[in-house]
Amino acid sequence: MIDGVHLAQRACWHRPTNQIIGLCREHSEPFNLAMDDMDSVLKIVEAVHGDSPTCHYGREATVLAIGPYRETHYHGVPIGQTQTCKSEKGPGFAALLKMTLEEWKTHGEPHSGPILTVSFDGDPVFRDGAFDVLMIRTPDKSSSLSLKLSGCQGLNLECGEDDIVIGPDGKHIVKRASIS
């Protein structure tokens, strides 16, 4: 499950990691976010507050959560969050999603099982990025996904690696259809 949550736009010091947090993922990568020296801190201040800002405070947190498919104890558990200034396009989000899926396969899947679907709200950036990662191939005819869905005429059977499919939030599909 992926969703955006509004943030108070500010940076702060995260003591356990000795890092500056609260800056957008799109533009903070070139900077040393560790509170190691004053020059690095001043470069960040200039990048955020200078005459021509090149970095921004996060306006929204992209929250990534995992939830099991079962009748009880199905609540989503956050596994990551990252700030965005909302300038990101689909390919940037696709890179974040792909990295998250790869990390889950390595570290989460052995303990908690595979990811079967990725759900998100109607955000166009999420949708574009998810299509780039999760609509790249047709499952093998012998796969369990193909066997379950092949009888559904007209259903798009495209999926991502490991047969992960997009499962958008139905509430947002109805909302988007009623507006258009």
N, C-alpha and C. Protein backbone atom coordinates (compact mmCIF):
# COMPACT_ATOMS: atom_id res chain seq x y z
N MET A 1 0.85 -1.17 0.00
CA MET A 1 0.00 0.00 0.00
C MET A 1 0.90 1.23 0.00
N ILE A 2 0.51 2.20 -0.82
CA ILE A 2 1.29 3.42 -0.92
C ILE A 2 0.32 4.59 -0.87
N ASP A 3 0.64 5.58 -0.06
CA ASP A 3 -0.20 6.77 0.00
C ASP A 3 0.65 7.96 0.42
N GLY A 4 0.15 9.14 0.12
CA GLY A 4 0.82 10.37 0.50
C GLY A 4 0.14 10.98 1.71
N VAL A 5 0.94 11.56 2.60
CA VAL A 5 0.44 12.20 3.81
C VAL A 5 1.06 13.60 3.87
N HIS A 6 0.21 14.61 4.10
CA HIS A 6 0.71 15.99 4.18
C HIS A 6 1.68 16.15 5.34
N LEU A 7 2.71 16.96 5.13
CA LEU A 7 3.73 17.20 6.16
C LEU A 7 3.83 18.67 6.53
N ALA A 8 4.27 18.93 7.74
CA ALA A 8 4.73 20.28 8.10
C ALA A 8 6.07 20.45 7.39
N GLN A 9 6.23 21.52 6.65
CA GLN A 9 7.44 21.70 5.85
C GLN A 9 8.55 22.28 6.71
N ARG A 10 9.43 21.38 7.17
CA ARG A 10 10.56 21.81 7.97
C ARG A 10 11.60 20.70 8.00
N ALA A 11 12.81 21.09 8.26
CA ALA A 11 13.89 20.13 8.43
C ALA A 11 14.22 20.05 9.92
N CYS A 12 14.79 18.93 10.32
CA CYS A 12 15.23 18.80 11.70
C CYS A 12 16.38 17.80 11.78
N TRP A 13 16.98 17.75 12.93
CA TRP A 13 18.10 16.84 13.17
C TRP A 13 17.56 15.55 13.75
N HIS A 14 17.93 14.43 13.14
CA HIS A 14 17.55 13.11 13.63
C HIS A 14 18.73 12.56 14.42
N ARG A 15 18.62 12.62 15.73
CA ARG A 15 19.74 12.28 16.61
C ARG A 15 20.29 10.86 16.39
N PRO A 16 19.44 9.82 16.29
CA PRO A 16 20.00 8.46 16.16
C PRO A 16 20.92 8.27 14.95
N THR A 17 20.64 8.99 13.86
CA THR A 17 21.48 8.83 12.66
C THR A 17 22.38 10.04 12.42
N ASN A 18 22.23 11.08 13.25
CA ASN A 18 22.98 12.32 13.09
C ASN A 18 22.79 12.91 11.69
N GLN A 19 21.56 12.85 11.19
CA GLN A 19 21.23 13.31 9.84
C GLN A 19 20.21 14.43 9.88
N ILE A 20 20.25 15.28 8.87
CA ILE A 20 19.20 16.26 8.66
C ILE A 20 18.09 15.55 7.90
N ILE A 21 16.87 15.60 8.40
CA ILE A 21 15.74 14.98 7.72
C ILE A 21 14.69 16.04 7.41
N GLY A 22 13.78 15.70 6.51
CA GLY A 22 12.70 16.62 6.16
C GLY A 22 12.87 17.28 4.81
N LEU A 23 13.97 16.99 4.11
CA LEU A 23 14.18 17.56 2.78
C LEU A 23 13.62 16.61 1.72
N CYS A 24 13.29 17.13 0.56
CA CYS A 24 12.68 16.31 -0.49
C CYS A 24 13.68 15.32 -1.08
N ARG A 25 13.17 14.15 -1.44
CA ARG A 25 14.01 13.10 -2.03
C ARG A 25 14.48 13.47 -3.43
N GLU A 26 13.70 14.31 -4.12
CA GLU A 26 14.03 14.66 -5.49
C GLU A 26 15.32 15.47 -5.60
N HIS A 27 15.62 16.29 -4.59
CA HIS A 27 16.73 17.23 -4.74
C HIS A 27 17.78 17.16 -3.63
N SER A 28 17.62 16.31 -2.63
CA SER A 28 18.56 16.30 -1.50
C SER A 28 19.74 15.36 -1.68
N GLU A 29 19.70 14.49 -2.68
CA GLU A 29 20.75 13.48 -2.82
C GLU A 29 22.16 14.05 -2.97
N PRO A 30 22.37 15.16 -3.68
CA PRO A 30 23.75 15.65 -3.83
C PRO A 30 24.38 16.18 -2.53
N PHE A 31 23.59 16.34 -1.50
CA PHE A 31 24.09 16.98 -0.28
C PHE A 31 24.49 15.96 0.78
N ASN A 32 25.48 16.32 1.57
CA ASN A 32 25.86 15.55 2.74
C ASN A 32 24.88 15.91 3.85
N LEU A 33 23.97 15.03 4.18
CA LEU A 33 22.95 15.31 5.18
C LEU A 33 23.41 15.01 6.60
N ALA A 34 24.61 14.47 6.74
CA ALA A 34 25.14 14.20 8.07
C ALA A 34 25.56 15.51 8.72
N MET A 35 25.33 15.60 10.01
CA MET A 35 25.72 16.81 10.75
C MET A 35 27.19 16.68 11.17
N ASP A 36 28.06 16.50 10.18
CA ASP A 36 29.49 16.29 10.44
C ASP A 36 30.28 17.59 10.48
N ASP A 37 29.90 18.54 9.63
CA ASP A 37 30.66 19.78 9.57
C ASP A 37 29.74 20.94 9.19
N MET A 38 30.14 22.12 9.58
CA MET A 38 29.32 23.31 9.36
C MET A 38 29.19 23.65 7.87
N ASP A 39 30.22 23.38 7.07
CA ASP A 39 30.14 23.68 5.63
C ASP A 39 29.00 22.93 4.96
N SER A 40 28.83 21.65 5.31
CA SER A 40 27.74 20.86 4.73
C SER A 40 26.38 21.43 5.12
N VAL A 41 26.24 21.82 6.37
CA VAL A 41 24.99 22.39 6.85
C VAL A 41 24.70 23.70 6.12
N LEU A 42 25.71 24.54 5.96
CA LEU A 42 25.52 25.83 5.28
C LEU A 42 25.17 25.65 3.80
N LYS A 43 25.71 24.62 3.16
CA LYS A 43 25.35 24.33 1.76
C LYS A 43 23.86 23.97 1.66
N ILE A 44 23.38 23.22 2.62
CA ILE A 44 21.95 22.85 2.63
C ILE A 44 21.09 24.09 2.87
N VAL A 45 21.49 24.92 3.81
CA VAL A 45 20.74 26.16 4.08
C VAL A 45 20.67 27.00 2.81
N GLU A 46 21.77 27.15 2.11
CA GLU A 46 21.79 27.94 0.86
C GLU A 46 20.91 27.28 -0.20
N ALA A 47 20.97 25.96 -0.29
CA ALA A 47 20.17 25.25 -1.30
C ALA A 47 18.68 25.41 -1.05
N VAL A 48 18.27 25.49 0.21
CA VAL A 48 16.85 25.59 0.54
C VAL A 48 16.39 27.05 0.59
N HIS A 49 17.22 27.93 1.14
CA HIS A 49 16.78 29.31 1.39
C HIS A 49 17.49 30.36 0.53
N GLY A 50 18.37 29.94 -0.37
CA GLY A 50 19.10 30.90 -1.20
C GLY A 50 18.22 31.58 -2.23
N ASP A 51 18.82 32.47 -3.01
CA ASP A 51 18.09 33.21 -4.05
C ASP A 51 17.50 32.28 -5.11
N SER A 52 18.22 31.20 -5.42
CA SER A 52 17.74 30.21 -6.40
C SER A 52 17.72 28.84 -5.74
N PRO A 53 16.65 28.50 -5.01
CA PRO A 53 16.62 27.23 -4.28
C PRO A 53 16.78 26.02 -5.21
N THR A 54 17.64 25.10 -4.80
CA THR A 54 17.84 23.86 -5.55
C THR A 54 17.37 22.64 -4.77
N CYS A 55 16.92 22.84 -3.55
CA CYS A 55 16.40 21.77 -2.70
C CYS A 55 15.23 22.34 -1.91
N HIS A 56 14.33 21.47 -1.47
CA HIS A 56 13.11 21.94 -0.82
C HIS A 56 12.80 21.09 0.40
N TYR A 57 11.95 21.65 1.26
CA TYR A 57 11.39 20.86 2.34
C TYR A 57 10.38 19.88 1.73
N GLY A 58 10.23 18.73 2.35
CA GLY A 58 9.20 17.80 1.90
C GLY A 58 7.82 18.37 2.17
N ARG A 59 6.97 18.34 1.16
CA ARG A 59 5.58 18.81 1.32
C ARG A 59 4.66 17.66 1.70
N GLU A 60 5.08 16.45 1.31
CA GLU A 60 4.25 15.27 1.53
C GLU A 60 5.16 14.09 1.79
N ALA A 61 4.73 13.19 2.65
CA ALA A 61 5.47 11.94 2.89
C ALA A 61 4.82 10.84 2.07
N THR A 62 5.62 10.13 1.31
CA THR A 62 5.14 8.94 0.63
C THR A 62 5.35 7.80 1.62
N VAL A 63 4.24 7.18 2.06
CA VAL A 63 4.31 6.12 3.06
C VAL A 63 4.09 4.78 2.36
N LEU A 64 4.99 3.85 2.61
CA LEU A 64 4.93 2.51 2.04
C LEU A 64 4.61 1.55 3.18
N ALA A 65 3.56 0.75 3.01
CA ALA A 65 3.14 -0.17 4.08
C ALA A 65 2.87 -1.56 3.49
N ILE A 66 3.02 -2.56 4.32
CA ILE A 66 2.76 -3.95 3.95
C ILE A 66 1.59 -4.44 4.79
N GLY A 67 0.65 -5.13 4.16
CA GLY A 67 -0.48 -5.71 4.87
C GLY A 67 -0.78 -7.09 4.31
N PRO A 68 -1.03 -8.06 5.17
CA PRO A 68 -1.31 -9.42 4.69
C PRO A 68 -2.74 -9.57 4.18
N TYR A 69 -2.95 -10.54 3.31
CA TYR A 69 -4.29 -10.92 2.85
C TYR A 69 -4.82 -11.99 3.79
N ARG A 70 -5.64 -11.60 4.75
CA ARG A 70 -6.29 -12.56 5.64
C ARG A 70 -7.46 -11.87 6.33
N GLU A 71 -8.29 -12.64 6.99
CA GLU A 71 -9.51 -12.10 7.60
C GLU A 71 -9.27 -11.32 8.88
N THR A 72 -8.22 -11.64 9.61
CA THR A 72 -7.93 -10.94 10.86
C THR A 72 -6.48 -10.43 10.83
N HIS A 73 -6.21 -9.43 11.63
CA HIS A 73 -4.86 -8.86 11.73
C HIS A 73 -4.30 -8.50 10.36
N TYR A 74 -5.11 -7.82 9.58
CA TYR A 74 -4.73 -7.47 8.21
C TYR A 74 -4.25 -6.03 8.07
N HIS A 75 -4.02 -5.35 9.17
CA HIS A 75 -3.65 -3.94 9.12
C HIS A 75 -2.29 -3.74 8.45
N GLY A 76 -2.18 -2.63 7.74
CA GLY A 76 -0.91 -2.29 7.11
C GLY A 76 0.12 -1.86 8.14
N VAL A 77 1.34 -2.27 7.94
CA VAL A 77 2.46 -1.90 8.80
C VAL A 77 3.44 -1.09 7.96
N PRO A 78 3.70 0.16 8.33
CA PRO A 78 4.64 0.96 7.53
C PRO A 78 6.03 0.34 7.49
N ILE A 79 6.61 0.30 6.30
CA ILE A 79 7.98 -0.19 6.15
C ILE A 79 8.91 0.90 5.66
N GLY A 80 8.36 2.04 5.28
CA GLY A 80 9.21 3.13 4.82
C GLY A 80 8.41 4.38 4.57
N GLN A 81 9.10 5.50 4.62
CA GLN A 81 8.48 6.77 4.26
C GLN A 81 9.59 7.69 3.77
N THR A 82 9.24 8.51 2.82
CA THR A 82 10.20 9.44 2.24
C THR A 82 9.47 10.72 1.85
N GLN A 83 10.15 11.84 1.97
CA GLN A 83 9.51 13.13 1.69
C GLN A 83 9.65 13.51 0.22
N THR A 84 8.64 14.21 -0.27
CA THR A 84 8.66 14.69 -1.65
C THR A 84 8.23 16.15 -1.68
N CYS A 85 8.78 16.89 -2.63
CA CYS A 85 8.35 18.28 -2.85
C CYS A 85 7.28 18.32 -3.94
N LYS A 86 6.85 17.16 -4.39
CA LYS A 86 5.79 17.00 -5.39
C LYS A 86 6.24 17.41 -6.79
N SER A 87 7.55 17.47 -7.05
CA SER A 87 8.01 17.74 -8.41
C SER A 87 8.33 16.45 -9.15
N GLU A 88 8.28 15.34 -8.44
CA GLU A 88 8.63 14.04 -9.00
C GLU A 88 7.64 13.63 -10.09
N LYS A 89 8.15 12.97 -11.11
CA LYS A 89 7.33 12.42 -12.19
C LYS A 89 7.33 10.89 -12.07
N GLY A 90 6.58 10.24 -12.94
CA GLY A 90 6.44 8.79 -12.90
C GLY A 90 7.74 8.01 -12.85
N PRO A 91 8.73 8.32 -13.70
CA PRO A 91 9.99 7.55 -13.66
C PRO A 91 10.71 7.63 -12.32
N GLY A 92 10.65 8.77 -11.66
CA GLY A 92 11.28 8.89 -10.34
C GLY A 92 10.58 8.02 -9.32
N PHE A 93 9.24 8.00 -9.36
CA PHE A 93 8.51 7.14 -8.44
C PHE A 93 8.73 5.67 -8.79
N ALA A 94 8.84 5.36 -10.08
CA ALA A 94 9.11 3.98 -10.50
C ALA A 94 10.41 3.48 -9.89
N ALA A 95 11.44 4.33 -9.86
CA ALA A 95 12.72 3.94 -9.27
C ALA A 95 12.57 3.65 -7.78
N LEU A 96 11.79 4.48 -7.07
CA LEU A 96 11.54 4.26 -5.64
C LEU A 96 10.78 2.95 -5.43
N LEU A 97 9.76 2.70 -6.24
CA LEU A 97 8.97 1.48 -6.11
C LEU A 97 9.81 0.25 -6.41
N LYS A 98 10.61 0.31 -7.46
CA LYS A 98 11.46 -0.82 -7.83
C LYS A 98 12.46 -1.14 -6.72
N MET A 99 13.08 -0.10 -6.15
CA MET A 99 14.02 -0.30 -5.06
C MET A 99 13.32 -0.92 -3.85
N THR A 100 12.12 -0.45 -3.54
CA THR A 100 11.36 -0.99 -2.41
C THR A 100 11.05 -2.47 -2.62
N LEU A 101 10.61 -2.83 -3.82
CA LEU A 101 10.29 -4.24 -4.11
C LEU A 101 11.54 -5.12 -4.04
N GLU A 102 12.66 -4.61 -4.55
CA GLU A 102 13.91 -5.38 -4.48
C GLU A 102 14.36 -5.58 -3.04
N GLU A 103 14.27 -4.53 -2.23
CA GLU A 103 14.67 -4.64 -0.82
C GLU A 103 13.74 -5.59 -0.06
N TRP A 104 12.43 -5.54 -0.36
CA TRP A 104 11.51 -6.45 0.30
C TRP A 104 11.83 -7.89 -0.07
N LYS A 105 12.12 -8.14 -1.34
CA LYS A 105 12.43 -9.50 -1.78
C LYS A 105 13.64 -10.05 -1.03
N THR A 106 14.64 -9.19 -0.81
CA THR A 106 15.85 -9.62 -0.12
C THR A 106 15.66 -9.76 1.39
N HIS A 107 15.02 -8.76 2.00
CA HIS A 107 14.98 -8.70 3.46
C HIS A 107 13.64 -9.05 4.08
N GLY A 108 12.53 -8.77 3.42
CA GLY A 108 11.22 -9.01 4.00
C GLY A 108 10.60 -10.34 3.62
N GLU A 109 10.76 -10.72 2.36
CA GLU A 109 10.12 -11.94 1.86
C GLU A 109 10.53 -13.20 2.62
N PRO A 110 11.81 -13.39 2.97
CA PRO A 110 12.16 -14.62 3.69
C PRO A 110 11.43 -14.78 5.02
N HIS A 111 11.01 -13.68 5.63
CA HIS A 111 10.36 -13.74 6.94
C HIS A 111 8.84 -13.58 6.85
N SER A 112 8.38 -12.77 5.89
CA SER A 112 6.96 -12.41 5.87
C SER A 112 6.24 -12.78 4.58
N GLY A 113 6.93 -13.35 3.63
CA GLY A 113 6.30 -13.77 2.39
C GLY A 113 6.40 -12.72 1.29
N PRO A 114 5.99 -13.10 0.08
CA PRO A 114 6.14 -12.22 -1.08
C PRO A 114 5.07 -11.13 -1.12
N ILE A 115 5.36 -10.09 -1.87
CA ILE A 115 4.37 -9.06 -2.18
C ILE A 115 3.57 -9.57 -3.37
N LEU A 116 2.25 -9.55 -3.27
CA LEU A 116 1.38 -10.01 -4.35
C LEU A 116 0.81 -8.85 -5.16
N THR A 117 0.43 -7.77 -4.48
CA THR A 117 -0.12 -6.60 -5.16
C THR A 117 0.47 -5.33 -4.55
N VAL A 118 0.43 -4.27 -5.33
CA VAL A 118 0.78 -2.94 -4.85
C VAL A 118 -0.45 -2.07 -5.07
N SER A 119 -0.98 -1.51 -3.99
CA SER A 119 -2.17 -0.65 -4.06
C SER A 119 -1.78 0.78 -3.76
N PHE A 120 -2.48 1.70 -4.38
CA PHE A 120 -2.21 3.12 -4.18
C PHE A 120 -3.46 3.90 -4.49
N ASP A 121 -3.47 5.17 -4.09
CA ASP A 121 -4.64 6.00 -4.37
C ASP A 121 -4.57 6.48 -5.82
N GLY A 122 -5.34 7.47 -6.15
CA GLY A 122 -5.44 7.93 -7.53
C GLY A 122 -4.35 8.87 -7.99
N ASP A 123 -3.29 9.06 -7.20
CA ASP A 123 -2.22 9.98 -7.55
C ASP A 123 -1.62 9.61 -8.91
N PRO A 124 -1.61 10.54 -9.87
CA PRO A 124 -1.10 10.22 -11.21
C PRO A 124 0.37 9.84 -11.23
N VAL A 125 1.19 10.41 -10.35
CA VAL A 125 2.61 10.05 -10.31
C VAL A 125 2.75 8.61 -9.84
N PHE A 126 1.99 8.21 -8.80
CA PHE A 126 2.03 6.82 -8.34
C PHE A 126 1.59 5.89 -9.47
N ARG A 127 0.51 6.26 -10.14
CA ARG A 127 -0.04 5.42 -11.21
C ARG A 127 0.97 5.26 -12.35
N ASP A 128 1.55 6.37 -12.80
CA ASP A 128 2.52 6.30 -13.90
C ASP A 128 3.73 5.46 -13.52
N GLY A 129 4.26 5.68 -12.33
CA GLY A 129 5.42 4.92 -11.88
C GLY A 129 5.11 3.45 -11.71
N ALA A 130 3.95 3.14 -11.15
CA ALA A 130 3.57 1.74 -10.95
C ALA A 130 3.39 1.03 -12.29
N PHE A 131 2.84 1.72 -13.29
CA PHE A 131 2.69 1.10 -14.60
C PHE A 131 4.06 0.76 -15.19
N ASP A 132 5.06 1.60 -14.97
CA ASP A 132 6.40 1.34 -15.50
C ASP A 132 7.06 0.13 -14.85
N VAL A 133 6.65 -0.21 -13.63
CA VAL A 133 7.27 -1.32 -12.89
C VAL A 133 6.39 -2.57 -12.88
N LEU A 134 5.07 -2.38 -12.83
CA LEU A 134 4.16 -3.51 -12.60
C LEU A 134 3.31 -3.90 -13.80
N MET A 135 3.60 -3.34 -14.96
CA MET A 135 2.87 -3.73 -16.18
C MET A 135 3.90 -3.95 -17.29
N ILE A 136 4.87 -4.80 -17.02
CA ILE A 136 5.99 -4.98 -17.95
C ILE A 136 6.00 -6.32 -18.66
N ARG A 137 5.16 -7.25 -18.21
CA ARG A 137 5.18 -8.57 -18.85
C ARG A 137 3.87 -9.30 -18.59
N THR A 138 3.66 -10.35 -19.35
CA THR A 138 2.52 -11.23 -19.14
C THR A 138 3.01 -12.44 -18.34
N PRO A 139 2.29 -12.88 -17.33
CA PRO A 139 2.77 -14.02 -16.54
C PRO A 139 2.85 -15.29 -17.38
N ASP A 140 3.76 -16.18 -16.99
CA ASP A 140 3.87 -17.47 -17.66
C ASP A 140 2.54 -18.19 -17.59
N LYS A 141 2.18 -18.89 -18.66
CA LYS A 141 0.89 -19.58 -18.71
C LYS A 141 0.73 -20.60 -17.58
N SER A 142 1.85 -21.13 -17.07
CA SER A 142 1.76 -22.14 -16.01
C SER A 142 1.79 -21.52 -14.60
N SER A 143 1.95 -20.21 -14.51
CA SER A 143 2.02 -19.58 -13.18
C SER A 143 0.66 -19.60 -12.50
N SER A 144 0.66 -19.55 -11.18
CA SER A 144 -0.61 -19.57 -10.45
C SER A 144 -1.44 -18.33 -10.77
N LEU A 145 -0.79 -17.19 -11.00
CA LEU A 145 -1.52 -15.97 -11.36
C LEU A 145 -2.25 -16.15 -12.69
N SER A 146 -1.56 -16.68 -13.67
CA SER A 146 -2.17 -16.88 -14.98
C SER A 146 -3.30 -17.90 -14.91
N LEU A 147 -3.10 -18.97 -14.16
CA LEU A 147 -4.14 -19.99 -14.04
C LEU A 147 -5.40 -19.44 -13.38
N LYS A 148 -5.23 -18.54 -12.40
CA LYS A 148 -6.38 -17.97 -11.71
C LYS A 148 -7.11 -16.93 -12.56
N LEU A 149 -6.38 -16.17 -13.37
CA LEU A 149 -6.98 -15.03 -14.07
C LEU A 149 -7.24 -15.24 -15.55
N SER A 150 -6.69 -16.28 -16.15
CA SER A 150 -6.79 -16.44 -17.60
C SER A 150 -8.22 -16.62 -18.10
N GLY A 151 -9.12 -17.07 -17.25
CA GLY A 151 -10.51 -17.24 -17.67
C GLY A 151 -11.32 -15.95 -17.66
N CYS A 152 -10.75 -14.88 -17.16
CA CYS A 152 -11.46 -13.59 -17.09
C CYS A 152 -11.25 -12.84 -18.40
N GLN A 153 -12.17 -12.98 -19.32
CA GLN A 153 -12.04 -12.34 -20.63
C GLN A 153 -12.00 -10.83 -20.48
N GLY A 154 -11.09 -10.22 -21.23
CA GLY A 154 -10.97 -8.77 -21.23
C GLY A 154 -10.11 -8.21 -20.11
N LEU A 155 -9.66 -9.05 -19.19
CA LEU A 155 -8.84 -8.59 -18.09
C LEU A 155 -7.39 -8.43 -18.56
N ASN A 156 -6.80 -7.30 -18.25
CA ASN A 156 -5.40 -7.05 -18.57
C ASN A 156 -4.56 -7.92 -17.64
N LEU A 157 -3.79 -8.82 -18.20
CA LEU A 157 -2.99 -9.75 -17.40
C LEU A 157 -1.56 -9.29 -17.18
N GLU A 158 -1.23 -8.06 -17.55
CA GLU A 158 0.14 -7.58 -17.37
C GLU A 158 0.49 -7.52 -15.89
N CYS A 159 1.75 -7.80 -15.59
CA CYS A 159 2.22 -7.79 -14.21
C CYS A 159 3.68 -7.38 -14.18
N GLY A 160 4.23 -7.30 -12.99
CA GLY A 160 5.64 -6.99 -12.81
C GLY A 160 6.43 -8.25 -12.55
N GLU A 161 7.69 -8.06 -12.18
CA GLU A 161 8.52 -9.20 -11.80
C GLU A 161 7.83 -9.96 -10.67
N ASP A 162 8.05 -11.25 -10.62
CA ASP A 162 7.47 -12.11 -9.58
C ASP A 162 5.95 -12.08 -9.57
N ASP A 163 5.34 -11.73 -10.70
CA ASP A 163 3.88 -11.71 -10.87
C ASP A 163 3.17 -10.75 -9.92
N ILE A 164 3.82 -9.66 -9.54
CA ILE A 164 3.19 -8.64 -8.70
C ILE A 164 2.27 -7.81 -9.59
N VAL A 165 1.04 -7.60 -9.13
CA VAL A 165 0.05 -6.85 -9.92
C VAL A 165 -0.34 -5.56 -9.21
N ILE A 166 -0.88 -4.63 -10.00
CA ILE A 166 -1.40 -3.38 -9.45
C ILE A 166 -2.79 -3.64 -8.90
N GLY A 167 -3.03 -3.19 -7.70
CA GLY A 167 -4.34 -3.30 -7.07
C GLY A 167 -4.79 -1.94 -6.57
N PRO A 168 -5.13 -1.01 -7.47
CA PRO A 168 -5.50 0.34 -7.01
C PRO A 168 -6.69 0.32 -6.05
N ASP A 169 -6.78 1.34 -5.25
CA ASP A 169 -7.85 1.52 -4.28
C ASP A 169 -9.16 1.74 -5.02
N GLY A 170 -10.11 0.83 -4.85
CA GLY A 170 -11.39 0.91 -5.57
C GLY A 170 -12.13 2.21 -5.36
N LYS A 171 -12.06 2.76 -4.15
CA LYS A 171 -12.74 4.02 -3.85
C LYS A 171 -12.26 5.13 -4.79
N HIS A 172 -10.96 5.15 -5.08
CA HIS A 172 -10.43 6.20 -5.94
C HIS A 172 -10.76 5.95 -7.41
N ILE A 173 -10.92 4.70 -7.81
CA ILE A 173 -11.32 4.40 -9.19
C ILE A 173 -12.73 4.93 -9.43
N VAL A 174 -13.64 4.67 -8.49
CA VAL A 174 -15.02 5.16 -8.62
C VAL A 174 -15.03 6.68 -8.62
N LYS A 175 -14.27 7.29 -7.74
CA LYS A 175 -14.21 8.75 -7.67
C LYS A 175 -13.70 9.34 -8.98
N ARG A 176 -12.62 8.77 -9.53
CA ARG A 176 -12.04 9.27 -10.78
C ARG A 176 -13.03 9.09 -11.93
N ALA A 177 -13.74 7.96 -11.97
CA ALA A 177 -14.71 7.71 -13.04
C ALA A 177 -15.89 8.67 -12.96
N SER A 178 -16.30 9.03 -11.75
CA SER A 178 -17.46 9.92 -11.61
C SER A 178 -17.12 11.36 -11.96
N ILE A 179 -15.86 11.73 -11.86
CA ILE A 179 -15.43 13.10 -12.18
C ILE A 179 -15.27 13.28 -13.68
N SER A 180 -14.81 12.23 -14.38
CA SER A 180 -14.54 12.38 -15.82
C SER A 180 -15.76 12.24 -16.68
